[in-house]
PDB file of all heavy atoms in Angstrom:
ATOM      1  N   GLU A   1      -7.915-134.115 -51.498  1.00  0.00           N
ATOM      2  CA  GLU A   1      -8.163-135.287 -50.655  1.00  0.00           C
ATOM      3  C   GLU A   1      -9.530-135.216 -49.965  1.00  0.00           C
ATOM      4  O   GLU A   1     -10.306-136.160 -50.029  1.00  0.00           O
ATOM      5  CB  GLU A   1      -7.062-135.408 -49.589  1.00  0.00           C
ATOM      6  CG  GLU A   1      -7.309-136.469 -48.549  1.00  0.00           C
ATOM      7  CD  GLU A   1      -7.169-137.892 -49.032  1.00  0.00           C
ATOM      8  OE1 GLU A   1      -6.769-138.138 -50.176  1.00  0.00           O
ATOM      9  OE2 GLU A   1      -7.477-138.795 -48.237  1.00  0.00           O
ATOM     10  N   ASN A   2      -9.815-134.099 -49.313  1.00  0.00           N
ATOM     11  CA  ASN A   2     -10.987-134.002 -48.439  1.00  0.00           C
ATOM     12  C   ASN A   2     -12.198-133.307 -49.045  1.00  0.00           C
ATOM     13  O   ASN A   2     -13.267-133.310 -48.448  1.00  0.00           O
ATOM     14  CB  ASN A   2     -10.613-133.258 -47.152  1.00  0.00           C
ATOM     15  CG  ASN A   2      -9.528-133.993 -46.400  1.00  0.00           C
ATOM     16  OD1 ASN A   2      -9.603-135.196 -46.213  1.00  0.00           O
ATOM     17  ND2 ASN A   2      -8.498-133.271 -45.988  1.00  0.00           N
ATOM     18  N   GLY A   3     -12.030-132.657 -50.175  1.00  0.00           N
ATOM     19  CA  GLY A   3     -13.117-131.894 -50.774  1.00  0.00           C
ATOM     20  C   GLY A   3     -13.029-130.433 -50.358  1.00  0.00           C
ATOM     21  O   GLY A   3     -12.280-130.083 -49.443  1.00  0.00           O
ATOM     22  N   HIS A   4     -13.778-129.591 -51.055  1.00  0.00           N
ATOM     23  CA  HIS A   4     -13.738-128.153 -50.772  1.00  0.00           C
ATOM     24  C   HIS A   4     -14.909-127.446 -51.429  1.00  0.00           C
ATOM     25  O   HIS A   4     -15.540-127.961 -52.351  1.00  0.00           O
ATOM     26  CB  HIS A   4     -12.423-127.551 -51.278  1.00  0.00           C
ATOM     27  CG  HIS A   4     -12.211-127.748 -52.748  1.00  0.00           C
ATOM     28  ND1 HIS A   4     -12.617-126.841 -53.687  1.00  0.00           N
ATOM     29  CD2 HIS A   4     -11.654-128.780 -53.444  1.00  0.00           C
ATOM     30  CE1 HIS A   4     -12.309-127.278 -54.900  1.00  0.00           C
ATOM     31  NE2 HIS A   4     -11.723-128.460 -54.775  1.00  0.00           N
ATOM     32  N   LYS A   5     -15.164-126.241 -50.923  1.00  0.00           N
ATOM     33  CA  LYS A   5     -16.169-125.384 -51.555  1.00  0.00           C
ATOM     34  C   LYS A   5     -15.571-124.810 -52.826  1.00  0.00           C
ATOM     35  O   LYS A   5     -14.367-124.594 -52.921  1.00  0.00           O
ATOM     36  CB  LYS A   5     -16.564-124.238 -50.622  1.00  0.00           C
ATOM     37  CG  LYS A   5     -17.481-124.629 -49.509  1.00  0.00           C
ATOM     38  CD  LYS A   5     -17.919-123.378 -48.761  1.00  0.00           C
ATOM     39  CE  LYS A   5     -18.934-123.737 -47.709  1.00  0.00           C
ATOM     40  NZ  LYS A   5     -19.390-122.555 -46.976  1.00  0.00           N
ATOM     41  N   THR A   6     -16.422-124.515 -53.770  1.00  0.00           N
ATOM     42  CA  THR A   6     -15.942-123.863 -54.983  1.00  0.00           C
ATOM     43  C   THR A   6     -15.629-122.403 -54.673  1.00  0.00           C
ATOM     44  O   THR A   6     -16.088-121.849 -53.664  1.00  0.00           O
ATOM     45  CB  THR A   6     -17.004-123.935 -56.100  1.00  0.00           C
ATOM     46  OG1 THR A   6     -18.184-123.292 -55.637  1.00  0.00           O
ATOM     47  CG2 THR A   6     -17.301-125.371 -56.485  1.00  0.00           C
ATOM     48  N   CYS A   7     -14.854-121.790 -55.533  1.00  0.00           N
ATOM     49  CA  CYS A   7     -14.462-120.392 -55.312  1.00  0.00           C
ATOM     50  C   CYS A   7     -15.676-119.480 -55.207  1.00  0.00           C
ATOM     51  O   CYS A   7     -15.661-118.486 -54.493  1.00  0.00           O
ATOM     52  CB  CYS A   7     -13.553-119.912 -56.452  1.00  0.00           C
ATOM     53  SG  CYS A   7     -11.953-120.727 -56.438  1.00  0.00           S
ATOM     54  N   GLU A   8     -16.718-119.817 -55.926  1.00  0.00           N
ATOM     55  CA  GLU A   8     -17.918-118.985 -55.914  1.00  0.00           C
ATOM     56  C   GLU A   8     -18.817-119.308 -54.726  1.00  0.00           C
ATOM     57  O   GLU A   8     -19.876-118.702 -54.555  1.00  0.00           O
ATOM     58  CB  GLU A   8     -18.722-119.196 -57.201  1.00  0.00           C
ATOM     59  CG  GLU A   8     -17.956-118.895 -58.475  1.00  0.00           C
ATOM     60  CD  GLU A   8     -17.057-120.050 -58.901  1.00  0.00           C
ATOM     61  OE1 GLU A   8     -17.383-121.221 -58.630  1.00  0.00           O
ATOM     62  OE2 GLU A   8     -16.018-119.782 -59.489  1.00  0.00           O
ATOM     63  N   HIS A   9     -18.440-120.291 -53.904  1.00  0.00           N
ATOM     64  CA  HIS A   9     -19.220-120.730 -52.744  1.00  0.00           C
ATOM     65  C   HIS A   9     -20.601-121.216 -53.139  1.00  0.00           C
ATOM     66  O   HIS A   9     -21.542-121.142 -52.366  1.00  0.00           O
ATOM     67  CB  HIS A   9     -19.338-119.625 -51.683  1.00  0.00           C
ATOM     68  CG  HIS A   9     -18.021-119.136 -51.186  1.00  0.00           C
ATOM     69  ND1 HIS A   9     -17.229-119.891 -50.348  1.00  0.00           N
ATOM     70  CD2 HIS A   9     -17.326-118.003 -51.434  1.00  0.00           C
ATOM     71  CE1 HIS A   9     -16.118-119.219 -50.085  1.00  0.00           C
ATOM     72  NE2 HIS A   9     -16.147-118.077 -50.739  1.00  0.00           N
ATOM     73  N   THR A  10     -20.715-121.702 -54.355  1.00  0.00           N
ATOM     74  CA  THR A  10     -22.017-122.170 -54.826  1.00  0.00           C
ATOM     75  C   THR A  10     -22.155-123.687 -54.724  1.00  0.00           C
ATOM     76  O   THR A  10     -23.244-124.210 -54.898  1.00  0.00           O
ATOM     77  CB  THR A  10     -22.227-121.769 -56.300  1.00  0.00           C
ATOM     78  OG1 THR A  10     -21.158-122.304 -57.062  1.00  0.00           O
ATOM     79  CG2 THR A  10     -22.290-120.271 -56.447  1.00  0.00           C
ATOM     80  N   GLY A  11     -21.083-124.364 -54.453  1.00  0.00           N
ATOM     81  CA  GLY A  11     -21.184-125.822 -54.399  1.00  0.00           C
ATOM     82  C   GLY A  11     -20.006-126.449 -53.682  1.00  0.00           C
ATOM     83  O   GLY A  11     -19.115-125.761 -53.186  1.00  0.00           O
ATOM     84  N   TRP A  12     -20.026-127.752 -53.674  1.00  0.00           N
ATOM     85  CA  TRP A  12     -18.998-128.534 -52.985  1.00  0.00           C
ATOM     86  C   TRP A  12     -18.362-129.505 -53.970  1.00  0.00           C
ATOM     87  O   TRP A  12     -19.053-130.219 -54.683  1.00  0.00           O
ATOM     88  CB  TRP A  12     -19.635-129.306 -51.828  1.00  0.00           C
ATOM     89  CG  TRP A  12     -18.683-130.169 -51.079  1.00  0.00           C
ATOM     90  CD1 TRP A  12     -18.515-131.504 -51.230  1.00  0.00           C
ATOM     91  CD2 TRP A  12     -17.762-129.759 -50.085  1.00  0.00           C
ATOM     92  NE1 TRP A  12     -17.538-131.958 -50.381  1.00  0.00           N
ATOM     93  CE2 TRP A  12     -17.058-130.894 -49.654  1.00  0.00           C
ATOM     94  CE3 TRP A  12     -17.447-128.532 -49.496  1.00  0.00           C
ATOM     95  CZ2 TRP A  12     -16.069-130.861 -48.686  1.00  0.00           C
ATOM     96  CZ3 TRP A  12     -16.466-128.498 -48.524  1.00  0.00           C
ATOM     97  CH2 TRP A  12     -15.789-129.656 -48.124  1.00  0.00           C
ATOM     98  N   VAL A  13     -17.045-129.509 -54.010  1.00  0.00           N
ATOM     99  CA  VAL A  13     -16.302-130.490 -54.815  1.00  0.00           C
ATOM    100  C   VAL A  13     -15.942-131.631 -53.864  1.00  0.00           C
ATOM    101  O   VAL A  13     -15.239-131.410 -52.874  1.00  0.00           O
ATOM    102  CB  VAL A  13     -15.021-129.865 -55.432  1.00  0.00           C
ATOM    103  CG1 VAL A  13     -14.239-130.909 -56.185  1.00  0.00           C
ATOM    104  CG2 VAL A  13     -15.378-128.686 -56.312  1.00  0.00           C
ATOM    105  N   PRO A  14     -16.445-132.834 -54.110  1.00  0.00           N
ATOM    106  CA  PRO A  14     -16.179-133.931 -53.175  1.00  0.00           C
ATOM    107  C   PRO A  14     -14.703-134.330 -53.144  1.00  0.00           C
ATOM    108  O   PRO A  14     -13.985-134.186 -54.141  1.00  0.00           O
ATOM    109  CB  PRO A  14     -17.030-135.090 -53.707  1.00  0.00           C
ATOM    110  CG  PRO A  14     -17.599-134.648 -55.001  1.00  0.00           C
ATOM    111  CD  PRO A  14     -17.274-133.208 -55.225  1.00  0.00           C
ATOM    112  N   GLY A  15     -14.295-134.832 -52.001  1.00  0.00           N
ATOM    113  CA  GLY A  15     -12.923-135.307 -51.854  1.00  0.00           C
ATOM    114  C   GLY A  15     -12.706-136.598 -52.620  1.00  0.00           C
ATOM    115  O   GLY A  15     -13.640-137.364 -52.855  1.00  0.00           O
ATOM    116  N   GLN A  16     -11.441-136.841 -52.992  1.00  0.00           N
ATOM    117  CA  GLN A  16     -11.122-138.064 -53.742  1.00  0.00           C
ATOM    118  C   GLN A  16     -10.492-139.132 -52.846  1.00  0.00           C
ATOM    119  O   GLN A  16     -10.359-140.267 -53.262  1.00  0.00           O
ATOM    120  CB  GLN A  16     -10.226-137.707 -54.924  1.00  0.00           C
ATOM    121  CG  GLN A  16     -10.946-136.791 -55.886  1.00  0.00           C
ATOM    122  CD  GLN A  16     -10.202-136.601 -57.177  1.00  0.00           C
ATOM    123  OE1 GLN A  16      -9.484-137.485 -57.632  1.00  0.00           O
ATOM    124  NE2 GLN A  16     -10.364-135.441 -57.780  1.00  0.00           N
ATOM    125  N   PHE A  17     -10.077-138.773 -51.653  1.00  0.00           N
ATOM    126  CA  PHE A  17      -9.570-139.698 -50.636  1.00  0.00           C
ATOM    127  C   PHE A  17      -8.477-140.632 -51.158  1.00  0.00           C
ATOM    128  O   PHE A  17      -8.381-141.782 -50.760  1.00  0.00           O
ATOM    129  CB  PHE A  17     -10.718-140.492 -50.013  1.00  0.00           C
ATOM    130  CG  PHE A  17     -11.796-139.594 -49.474  1.00  0.00           C
ATOM    131  CD1 PHE A  17     -13.010-139.477 -50.131  1.00  0.00           C
ATOM    132  CD2 PHE A  17     -11.570-138.820 -48.349  1.00  0.00           C
ATOM    133  CE1 PHE A  17     -13.990-138.620 -49.656  1.00  0.00           C
ATOM    134  CE2 PHE A  17     -12.545-137.960 -47.861  1.00  0.00           C
ATOM    135  CZ  PHE A  17     -13.770-137.862 -48.521  1.00  0.00           C
ATOM    136  N   PHE A  18      -7.636-140.103 -52.044  1.00  0.00           N
ATOM    137  CA  PHE A  18      -6.545-140.902 -52.606  1.00  0.00           C
ATOM    138  C   PHE A  18      -5.461-141.200 -51.576  1.00  0.00           C
ATOM    139  O   PHE A  18      -4.810-142.248 -51.642  1.00  0.00           O
ATOM    140  CB  PHE A  18      -5.948-140.217 -53.847  1.00  0.00           C
ATOM    141  CG  PHE A  18      -5.335-138.870 -53.564  1.00  0.00           C
ATOM    142  CD1 PHE A  18      -3.972-138.747 -53.353  1.00  0.00           C
ATOM    143  CD2 PHE A  18      -6.117-137.724 -53.520  1.00  0.00           C
ATOM    144  CE1 PHE A  18      -3.402-137.513 -53.094  1.00  0.00           C
ATOM    145  CE2 PHE A  18      -5.558-136.488 -53.263  1.00  0.00           C
ATOM    146  CZ  PHE A  18      -4.188-136.377 -53.041  1.00  0.00           C
ATOM    147  N   MET A  19      -5.269-140.309 -50.593  1.00  0.00           N
ATOM    148  CA  MET A  19      -4.262-140.553 -49.548  1.00  0.00           C
ATOM    149  C   MET A  19      -4.733-141.663 -48.607  1.00  0.00           C
ATOM    150  O   MET A  19      -3.974-142.562 -48.274  1.00  0.00           O
ATOM    151  CB  MET A  19      -3.987-139.278 -48.751  1.00  0.00           C
ATOM    152  CG  MET A  19      -3.269-138.204 -49.532  1.00  0.00           C
ATOM    153  SD  MET A  19      -2.873-136.815 -48.446  1.00  0.00           S
ATOM    154  CE  MET A  19      -3.426-135.448 -49.439  1.00  0.00           C
ATOM    155  N   LYS A  20      -5.983-141.602 -48.191  1.00  0.00           N
ATOM    156  CA  LYS A  20      -6.528-142.636 -47.313  1.00  0.00           C
ATOM    157  C   LYS A  20      -6.478-143.987 -48.028  1.00  0.00           C
ATOM    158  O   LYS A  20      -6.079-145.001 -47.438  1.00  0.00           O
ATOM    159  CB  LYS A  20      -7.954-142.306 -46.912  1.00  0.00           C
ATOM    160  CG  LYS A  20      -8.554-143.340 -45.969  1.00  0.00           C
ATOM    161  CD  LYS A  20     -10.036-143.111 -45.757  1.00  0.00           C
ATOM    162  CE  LYS A  20     -10.674-144.155 -44.883  1.00  0.00           C
ATOM    163  NZ  LYS A  20     -10.343-145.524 -45.168  1.00  0.00           N
ATOM    164  N   GLU A  21      -6.880-144.013 -49.275  1.00  0.00           N
ATOM    165  CA  GLU A  21      -6.856-145.254 -50.061  1.00  0.00           C
ATOM    166  C   GLU A  21      -5.428-145.796 -50.171  1.00  0.00           C
ATOM    167  O   GLU A  21      -5.189-146.994 -50.008  1.00  0.00           O
ATOM    168  CB  GLU A  21      -7.433-144.992 -51.452  1.00  0.00           C
ATOM    169  CG  GLU A  21      -7.472-146.199 -52.347  1.00  0.00           C
ATOM    170  CD  GLU A  21      -8.002-145.859 -53.729  1.00  0.00           C
ATOM    171  OE1 GLU A  21      -8.954-145.053 -53.827  1.00  0.00           O
ATOM    172  OE2 GLU A  21      -7.453-146.402 -54.708  1.00  0.00           O
ATOM    173  N   SER A  22      -4.483-144.914 -50.421  1.00  0.00           N
ATOM    174  CA  SER A  22      -3.079-145.329 -50.539  1.00  0.00           C
ATOM    175  C   SER A  22      -2.565-145.911 -49.231  1.00  0.00           C
ATOM    176  O   SER A  22      -1.901-146.955 -49.224  1.00  0.00           O
ATOM    177  CB  SER A  22      -2.204-144.136 -50.942  1.00  0.00           C
ATOM    178  OG  SER A  22      -2.600-143.628 -52.190  1.00  0.00           O
ATOM    179  N   LEU A  23      -2.874-145.249 -48.135  1.00  0.00           N
ATOM    180  CA  LEU A  23      -2.428-145.729 -46.830  1.00  0.00           C
ATOM    181  C   LEU A  23      -3.032-147.095 -46.516  1.00  0.00           C
ATOM    182  O   LEU A  23      -2.330-147.994 -46.034  1.00  0.00           O
ATOM    183  CB  LEU A  23      -2.788-144.719 -45.741  1.00  0.00           C
ATOM    184  CG  LEU A  23      -2.247-145.007 -44.357  1.00  0.00           C
ATOM    185  CD1 LEU A  23      -0.722-145.088 -44.363  1.00  0.00           C
ATOM    186  CD2 LEU A  23      -2.705-143.929 -43.389  1.00  0.00           C
ATOM    187  N   ASP A  24      -4.302-147.271 -46.821  1.00  0.00           N
ATOM    188  CA  ASP A  24      -4.947-148.572 -46.613  1.00  0.00           C
ATOM    189  C   ASP A  24      -4.261-149.662 -47.450  1.00  0.00           C
ATOM    190  O   ASP A  24      -4.048-150.775 -46.970  1.00  0.00           O
ATOM    191  CB  ASP A  24      -6.429-148.513 -46.968  1.00  0.00           C
ATOM    192  CG  ASP A  24      -7.254-147.681 -45.985  1.00  0.00           C
ATOM    193  OD1 ASP A  24      -6.749-147.386 -44.877  1.00  0.00           O
ATOM    194  OD2 ASP A  24      -8.392-147.323 -46.338  1.00  0.00           O
ATOM    195  N   GLN A  25      -3.907-149.328 -48.678  1.00  0.00           N
ATOM    196  CA  GLN A  25      -3.244-150.301 -49.552  1.00  0.00           C
ATOM    197  C   GLN A  25      -1.861-150.671 -49.019  1.00  0.00           C
ATOM    198  O   GLN A  25      -1.484-151.837 -48.998  1.00  0.00           O
ATOM    199  CB  GLN A  25      -3.145-149.756 -50.976  1.00  0.00           C
ATOM    200  CG  GLN A  25      -4.478-149.683 -51.670  1.00  0.00           C
ATOM    201  CD  GLN A  25      -4.433-148.914 -52.989  1.00  0.00           C
ATOM    202  OE1 GLN A  25      -3.485-148.190 -53.268  1.00  0.00           O
ATOM    203  NE2 GLN A  25      -5.474-149.062 -53.781  1.00  0.00           N
ATOM    204  N   VAL A  26      -1.106-149.679 -48.586  1.00  0.00           N
ATOM    205  CA  VAL A  26       0.233-149.950 -48.047  1.00  0.00           C
ATOM    206  C   VAL A  26       0.118-150.791 -46.773  1.00  0.00           C
ATOM    207  O   VAL A  26       0.863-151.752 -46.585  1.00  0.00           O
ATOM    208  CB  VAL A  26       1.014-148.648 -47.788  1.00  0.00           C
ATOM    209  CG1 VAL A  26       2.314-148.916 -47.038  1.00  0.00           C
ATOM    210  CG2 VAL A  26       1.307-147.934 -49.103  1.00  0.00           C
ATOM    211  N   ASN A  27      -0.825-150.451 -45.916  1.00  0.00           N
ATOM    212  CA  ASN A  27      -1.012-151.228 -44.680  1.00  0.00           C
ATOM    213  C   ASN A  27      -1.321-152.686 -44.983  1.00  0.00           C
ATOM    214  O   ASN A  27      -0.842-153.580 -44.283  1.00  0.00           O
ATOM    215  CB  ASN A  27      -2.110-150.621 -43.811  1.00  0.00           C
ATOM    216  CG  ASN A  27      -1.632-149.418 -43.040  1.00  0.00           C
ATOM    217  OD1 ASN A  27      -0.453-149.279 -42.746  1.00  0.00           O
ATOM    218  ND2 ASN A  27      -2.552-148.527 -42.712  1.00  0.00           N
ATOM    219  N   SER A  28      -2.098-152.935 -46.018  1.00  0.00           N
ATOM    220  CA  SER A  28      -2.431-154.321 -46.359  1.00  0.00           C
ATOM    221  C   SER A  28      -1.228-155.069 -46.938  1.00  0.00           C
ATOM    222  O   SER A  28      -1.192-156.296 -46.928  1.00  0.00           O
ATOM    223  CB  SER A  28      -3.606-154.371 -47.334  1.00  0.00           C
ATOM    224  OG  SER A  28      -3.218-153.921 -48.613  1.00  0.00           O
ATOM    225  N   GLN A  29      -0.230-154.337 -47.437  1.00  0.00           N
ATOM    226  CA  GLN A  29       0.964-154.953 -48.027  1.00  0.00           C
ATOM    227  C   GLN A  29       2.102-155.131 -47.022  1.00  0.00           C
ATOM    228  O   GLN A  29       3.131-155.713 -47.357  1.00  0.00           O
ATOM    229  CB  GLN A  29       1.475-154.087 -49.182  1.00  0.00           C
ATOM    230  CG  GLN A  29       0.518-153.934 -50.321  1.00  0.00           C
ATOM    231  CD  GLN A  29       0.960-152.828 -51.283  1.00  0.00           C
ATOM    232  OE1 GLN A  29       2.020-152.242 -51.154  1.00  0.00           O
ATOM    233  NE2 GLN A  29       0.102-152.541 -52.247  1.00  0.00           N
ATOM    234  N   LEU A  30       1.939-154.644 -45.800  1.00  0.00           N
ATOM    235  CA  LEU A  30       3.040-154.654 -44.830  1.00  0.00           C
ATOM    236  C   LEU A  30       3.703-156.023 -44.639  1.00  0.00           C
ATOM    237  O   LEU A  30       4.933-156.094 -44.628  1.00  0.00           O
ATOM    238  CB  LEU A  30       2.582-154.088 -43.491  1.00  0.00           C
ATOM    239  CG  LEU A  30       2.427-152.577 -43.453  1.00  0.00           C
ATOM    240  CD1 LEU A  30       1.910-152.129 -42.093  1.00  0.00           C
ATOM    241  CD2 LEU A  30       3.715-151.866 -43.796  1.00  0.00           C
ATOM    242  N   PRO A  31       2.959-157.107 -44.502  1.00  0.00           N
ATOM    243  CA  PRO A  31       3.655-158.388 -44.311  1.00  0.00           C
ATOM    244  C   PRO A  31       4.623-158.730 -45.447  1.00  0.00           C
ATOM    245  O   PRO A  31       5.691-159.294 -45.209  1.00  0.00           O
ATOM    246  CB  PRO A  31       2.513-159.411 -44.228  1.00  0.00           C
ATOM    247  CG  PRO A  31       1.341-158.620 -43.762  1.00  0.00           C
ATOM    248  CD  PRO A  31       1.517-157.253 -44.383  1.00  0.00           C
ATOM    249  N   GLU A  32       4.277-158.367 -46.670  1.00  0.00           N
ATOM    250  CA  GLU A  32       5.159-158.642 -47.806  1.00  0.00           C
ATOM    251  C   GLU A  32       6.344-157.679 -47.876  1.00  0.00           C
ATOM    252  O   GLU A  32       7.349-157.976 -48.510  1.00  0.00           O
ATOM    253  CB  GLU A  32       4.388-158.575 -49.134  1.00  0.00           C
ATOM    254  CG  GLU A  32       3.319-159.641 -49.290  1.00  0.00           C
ATOM    255  CD  GLU A  32       1.998-159.229 -48.667  1.00  0.00           C
ATOM    256  OE1 GLU A  32       1.623-158.046 -48.738  1.00  0.00           O
ATOM    257  OE2 GLU A  32       1.326-160.107 -48.089  1.00  0.00           O
ATOM    258  N   LEU A  33       6.210-156.517 -47.246  1.00  0.00           N
ATOM    259  CA  LEU A  33       7.260-155.501 -47.317  1.00  0.00           C
ATOM    260  C   LEU A  33       8.327-155.668 -46.238  1.00  0.00           C
ATOM    261  O   LEU A  33       9.403-155.086 -46.338  1.00  0.00           O
ATOM    262  CB  LEU A  33       6.638-154.100 -47.225  1.00  0.00           C
ATOM    263  CG  LEU A  33       5.726-153.722 -48.395  1.00  0.00           C
ATOM    264  CD1 LEU A  33       5.025-152.406 -48.113  1.00  0.00           C
ATOM    265  CD2 LEU A  33       6.494-153.669 -49.696  1.00  0.00           C
ATOM    266  N   ILE A  34       8.025-156.449 -45.219  1.00  0.00           N
ATOM    267  CA  ILE A  34       9.013-156.710 -44.168  1.00  0.00           C
ATOM    268  C   ILE A  34      10.131-157.558 -44.775  1.00  0.00           C
ATOM    269  O   ILE A  34       9.866-158.545 -45.452  1.00  0.00           O
ATOM    270  CB  ILE A  34       8.371-157.452 -42.976  1.00  0.00           C
ATOM    271  CG1 ILE A  34       7.214-156.649 -42.394  1.00  0.00           C
ATOM    272  CG2 ILE A  34       9.406-157.816 -41.923  1.00  0.00           C
ATOM    273  CD1 ILE A  34       7.578-155.334 -41.790  1.00  0.00           C
ATOM    274  N   THR A  35      11.364-157.179 -44.526  1.00  0.00           N
ATOM    275  CA  THR A  35      12.501-157.915 -45.106  1.00  0.00           C
ATOM    276  C   THR A  35      12.600-159.317 -44.504  1.00  0.00           C
ATOM    277  O   THR A  35      12.249-159.525 -43.337  1.00  0.00           O
ATOM    278  CB  THR A  35      13.831-157.179 -44.860  1.00  0.00           C
ATOM    279  OG1 THR A  35      14.025-157.057 -43.447  1.00  0.00           O
ATOM    280  CG2 THR A  35      13.854-155.816 -45.519  1.00  0.00           C
ATOM    281  N   PRO A  36      13.074-160.272 -45.293  1.00  0.00           N
ATOM    282  CA  PRO A  36      13.242-161.639 -44.778  1.00  0.00           C
ATOM    283  C   PRO A  36      14.122-161.684 -43.523  1.00  0.00           C
ATOM    284  O   PRO A  36      13.871-162.479 -42.625  1.00  0.00           O
ATOM    285  CB  PRO A  36      13.902-162.384 -45.941  1.00  0.00           C
ATOM    286  CG  PRO A  36      13.492-161.614 -47.161  1.00  0.00           C
ATOM    287  CD  PRO A  36      13.400-160.181 -46.715  1.00  0.00           C
ATOM    288  N   GLY A  37      15.130-160.834 -43.473  1.00  0.00           N
ATOM    289  CA  GLY A  37      15.995-160.801 -42.295  1.00  0.00           C
ATOM    290  C   GLY A  37      15.250-160.419 -41.037  1.00  0.00           C
ATOM    291  O   GLY A  37      15.534-160.926 -39.950  1.00  0.00           O
ATOM    292  N   LEU A  38      14.272-159.521 -41.152  1.00  0.00           N
ATOM    293  CA  LEU A  38      13.487-159.131 -39.988  1.00  0.00           C
ATOM    294  C   LEU A  38      12.535-160.251 -39.583  1.00  0.00           C
ATOM    295  O   LEU A  38      12.321-160.493 -38.398  1.00  0.00           O
ATOM    296  CB  LEU A  38      12.714-157.837 -40.256  1.00  0.00           C
ATOM    297  CG  LEU A  38      12.091-157.166 -39.042  1.00  0.00           C
ATOM    298  CD1 LEU A  38      13.123-156.923 -37.943  1.00  0.00           C
ATOM    299  CD2 LEU A  38      11.433-155.865 -39.435  1.00  0.00           C
ATOM    300  N   TRP A  39      11.995-160.968 -40.566  1.00  0.00           N
ATOM    301  CA  TRP A  39      11.155-162.125 -40.241  1.00  0.00           C
ATOM    302  C   TRP A  39      11.969-163.164 -39.472  1.00  0.00           C
ATOM    303  O   TRP A  39      11.450-163.841 -38.587  1.00  0.00           O
ATOM    304  CB  TRP A  39      10.554-162.756 -41.490  1.00  0.00           C
ATOM    305  CG  TRP A  39       9.381-161.993 -42.053  1.00  0.00           C
ATOM    306  CD1 TRP A  39       9.302-161.410 -43.283  1.00  0.00           C
ATOM    307  CD2 TRP A  39       8.126-161.720 -41.416  1.00  0.00           C
ATOM    308  NE1 TRP A  39       8.089-160.791 -43.445  1.00  0.00           N
ATOM    309  CE2 TRP A  39       7.346-160.973 -42.311  1.00  0.00           C
ATOM    310  CE3 TRP A  39       7.591-162.034 -40.173  1.00  0.00           C
ATOM    311  CZ2 TRP A  39       6.057-160.541 -42.011  1.00  0.00           C
ATOM    312  CZ3 TRP A  39       6.298-161.603 -39.873  1.00  0.00           C
ATOM    313  CH2 TRP A  39       5.553-160.866 -40.792  1.00  0.00           C
ATOM    314  N   ALA A  40      13.250-163.286 -39.803  1.00  0.00           N
ATOM    315  CA  ALA A  40      14.110-164.242 -39.090  1.00  0.00           C
ATOM    316  C   ALA A  40      14.218-163.872 -37.611  1.00  0.00           C
ATOM    317  O   ALA A  40      14.264-164.755 -36.759  1.00  0.00           O
ATOM    318  CB  ALA A  40      15.488-164.298 -39.735  1.00  0.00           C
ATOM    319  N   PHE A  41      14.243-162.584 -37.301  1.00  0.00           N
ATOM    320  CA  PHE A  41      14.272-162.155 -35.900  1.00  0.00           C
ATOM    321  C   PHE A  41      12.988-162.563 -35.195  1.00  0.00           C
ATOM    322  O   PHE A  41      13.004-162.952 -34.028  1.00  0.00           O
ATOM    323  CB  PHE A  41      14.458-160.647 -35.792  1.00  0.00           C
ATOM    324  CG  PHE A  41      15.895-160.234 -35.902  1.00  0.00           C
ATOM    325  CD1 PHE A  41      16.411-159.771 -37.089  1.00  0.00           C
ATOM    326  CD2 PHE A  41      16.733-160.321 -34.805  1.00  0.00           C
ATOM    327  CE1 PHE A  41      17.733-159.399 -37.206  1.00  0.00           C
ATOM    328  CE2 PHE A  41      18.057-159.950 -34.897  1.00  0.00           C
ATOM    329  CZ  PHE A  41      18.555-159.491 -36.105  1.00  0.00           C
ATOM    330  N   ARG A  42      11.885-162.466 -35.892  1.00  0.00           N
ATOM    331  CA  ARG A  42      10.607-162.876 -35.295  1.00  0.00           C
ATOM    332  C   ARG A  42      10.671-164.342 -34.902  1.00  0.00           C
ATOM    333  O   ARG A  42      10.206-164.740 -33.836  1.00  0.00           O
ATOM    334  CB  ARG A  42       9.470-162.634 -36.270  1.00  0.00           C
ATOM    335  CG  ARG A  42       8.117-163.016 -35.675  1.00  0.00           C
ATOM    336  CD  ARG A  42       7.078-163.103 -36.702  1.00  0.00           C
ATOM    337  NE  ARG A  42       7.338-164.276 -37.528  1.00  0.00           N
ATOM    338  CZ  ARG A  42       6.467-164.807 -38.338  1.00  0.00           C
ATOM    339  NH1 ARG A  42       5.290-164.281 -38.476  1.00  0.00           N
ATOM    340  NH2 ARG A  42       6.764-165.858 -39.050  1.00  0.00           N
ATOM    341  N   ASP A  43      11.271-165.150 -35.765  1.00  0.00           N
ATOM    342  CA  ASP A  43      11.364-166.579 -35.480  1.00  0.00           C
ATOM    343  C   ASP A  43      12.229-166.850 -34.249  1.00  0.00           C
ATOM    344  O   ASP A  43      11.951-167.756 -33.476  1.00  0.00           O
ATOM    345  CB  ASP A  43      11.913-167.329 -36.691  1.00  0.00           C
ATOM    346  CG  ASP A  43      10.953-167.255 -37.879  1.00  0.00           C
ATOM    347  OD1 ASP A  43       9.757-167.002 -37.658  1.00  0.00           O
ATOM    348  OD2 ASP A  43      11.409-167.438 -39.027  1.00  0.00           O
ATOM    349  N   ILE A  44      13.264-166.046 -34.066  1.00  0.00           N
ATOM    350  CA  ILE A  44      14.129-166.198 -32.900  1.00  0.00           C
ATOM    351  C   ILE A  44      13.358-165.825 -31.639  1.00  0.00           C
ATOM    352  O   ILE A  44      13.503-166.461 -30.596  1.00  0.00           O
ATOM    353  CB  ILE A  44      15.390-165.313 -33.025  1.00  0.00           C
ATOM    354  CG1 ILE A  44      16.299-165.865 -34.098  1.00  0.00           C
ATOM    355  CG2 ILE A  44      16.125-165.206 -31.705  1.00  0.00           C
ATOM    356  CD1 ILE A  44      17.438-164.932 -34.455  1.00  0.00           C
TER     357      ILE A  44
END
């Protein structure tokens, strides 16, 4: 996720940030993931 030094300490392997990307994607989907029944409570 975050990157690391190589075992030989000669370089840096960059992070892939797949967890951050996944979390951002899920956050953007939250309105669609809320159940219709919970939306009904919001209306009340």
